[in-house]
């Protein structure tokens, strides 16, 4: 019924197909692993970017507050000078 040559060809073809399947499956697994690693790195970079943006926003707010304080100090200095000159005039 089954000749040894046919069985031999069938077995060798099966082994070849299984070998190719295993090879490509391992490559696919490695590719998926690399993709997962890259996705995690991307998520981490997104988180870091958000944190950096928040820090920059806070820095901008602090700079604005410092500028306001500087203008207030300048205004107060001018007022003190005016008061000082008026006191000198009265004396």
Protein backbone atom coordinates (compact mmCIF):
# COMPACT_ATOMS: atom_id res chain seq x y z
CA UNK A 1 0.00 0.00 0.00
CA UNK A 2 2.46 2.68 1.12
CA UNK A 3 5.83 2.43 -0.54
CA UNK A 4 8.90 3.24 1.56
CA UNK A 5 9.89 5.97 -0.92
CA UNK A 6 6.55 7.76 -0.48
CA UNK A 7 6.75 7.47 3.31
CA UNK A 8 10.34 8.78 3.21
CA UNK A 9 9.34 11.75 1.01
CA UNK A 10 6.36 12.50 3.23
CA UNK A 11 8.48 12.39 6.39
CA UNK A 12 11.23 14.57 4.90
CA UNK A 13 8.66 17.10 3.65
CA UNK A 14 6.98 17.10 7.08
CA UNK A 15 10.30 17.66 8.82
CA UNK A 16 11.14 20.51 6.42
CA UNK A 17 7.77 22.16 6.96
CA UNK A 18 8.03 21.79 10.74
CA UNK A 19 11.56 23.20 10.68
CA UNK A 20 10.45 26.23 8.66
CA UNK A 21 7.42 26.72 10.89
CA UNK A 22 9.55 26.60 14.04
CA UNK A 23 12.13 28.97 12.52
CA UNK A 24 9.56 31.57 11.52
CA UNK A 25 7.64 31.18 14.76
CA UNK A 26 10.77 31.92 16.79
CA UNK A 27 11.55 34.93 14.59
CA UNK A 28 7.99 36.17 15.02
CA UNK A 29 8.25 35.74 18.79
CA UNK A 30 11.51 37.70 18.84
CA UNK A 31 9.95 40.43 16.71
CA UNK A 32 6.95 40.64 19.04
CA UNK A 33 9.27 40.87 22.03
CA UNK A 34 11.24 43.70 20.40
CA UNK A 35 8.00 45.47 19.47
CA UNK A 36 6.77 45.18 23.05
CA UNK A 37 10.05 46.58 24.37
CA UNK A 38 9.87 49.49 21.93
CA UNK A 39 6.26 50.20 22.89
CA UNK A 40 7.20 50.27 26.57
CA UNK A 41 10.10 52.61 25.85
CA UNK A 42 7.73 54.84 23.89
CA UNK A 43 5.27 54.93 26.80
CA UNK A 44 8.09 55.77 29.21
CA UNK A 45 9.30 58.58 26.94
CA UNK A 46 5.76 59.95 26.72
CA UNK A 47 5.55 60.00 30.52
CA UNK A 48 8.92 61.75 30.75
CA UNK A 49 7.82 64.27 28.13
CA UNK A 50 4.68 65.07 30.11
CA UNK A 51 6.76 65.53 33.28
CA UNK A 52 9.21 67.79 31.46
CA UNK A 53 6.34 69.87 30.05
CA UNK A 54 4.90 70.27 33.55
CA UNK A 55 8.29 71.36 34.88
CA UNK A 56 8.66 73.89 32.07
CA UNK A 57 5.17 75.23 32.73
CA UNK A 58 6.01 75.60 36.42
CA UNK A 59 9.27 77.29 35.48
CA UNK A 60 7.39 79.75 33.26
CA UNK A 61 4.97 80.51 36.10
CA UNK A 62 7.87 81.08 38.48
CA UNK A 63 9.53 83.41 35.97
CA UNK A 64 6.31 85.39 35.60
CA UNK A 65 6.05 85.69 39.38
CA UNK A 66 9.67 86.86 39.58
CA UNK A 67 9.05 89.46 36.88
CA UNK A 68 5.99 90.73 38.75
CA UNK A 69 7.96 90.87 42.00
CA UNK A 70 10.76 92.75 40.26
CA UNK A 71 8.35 95.35 38.90
CA UNK A 72 6.72 95.70 42.32
CA UNK A 73 10.11 96.18 43.96
CA UNK A 74 11.01 98.77 41.34
CA UNK A 75 7.74 100.61 41.96
CA UNK A 76 8.26 100.47 45.72
CA UNK A 77 11.82 101.75 45.34
CA UNK A 78 10.55 104.70 43.32
CA UNK A 79 7.89 105.44 45.93
CA UNK A 80 10.45 105.25 48.73
CA UNK A 81 12.69 107.65 46.83
CA UNK A 82 9.78 110.07 46.39
CA UNK A 83 8.95 109.86 50.09
CA UNK A 84 12.63 110.36 50.91
CA UNK A 85 12.84 113.48 48.74
CA UNK A 86 9.64 114.87 50.28
CA UNK A 87 11.03 114.27 53.77
CA UNK A 88 14.24 116.02 52.82
CA UNK A 89 12.22 118.96 51.49
CA UNK A 90 10.27 119.18 54.74
CA UNK A 91 13.38 119.08 56.88
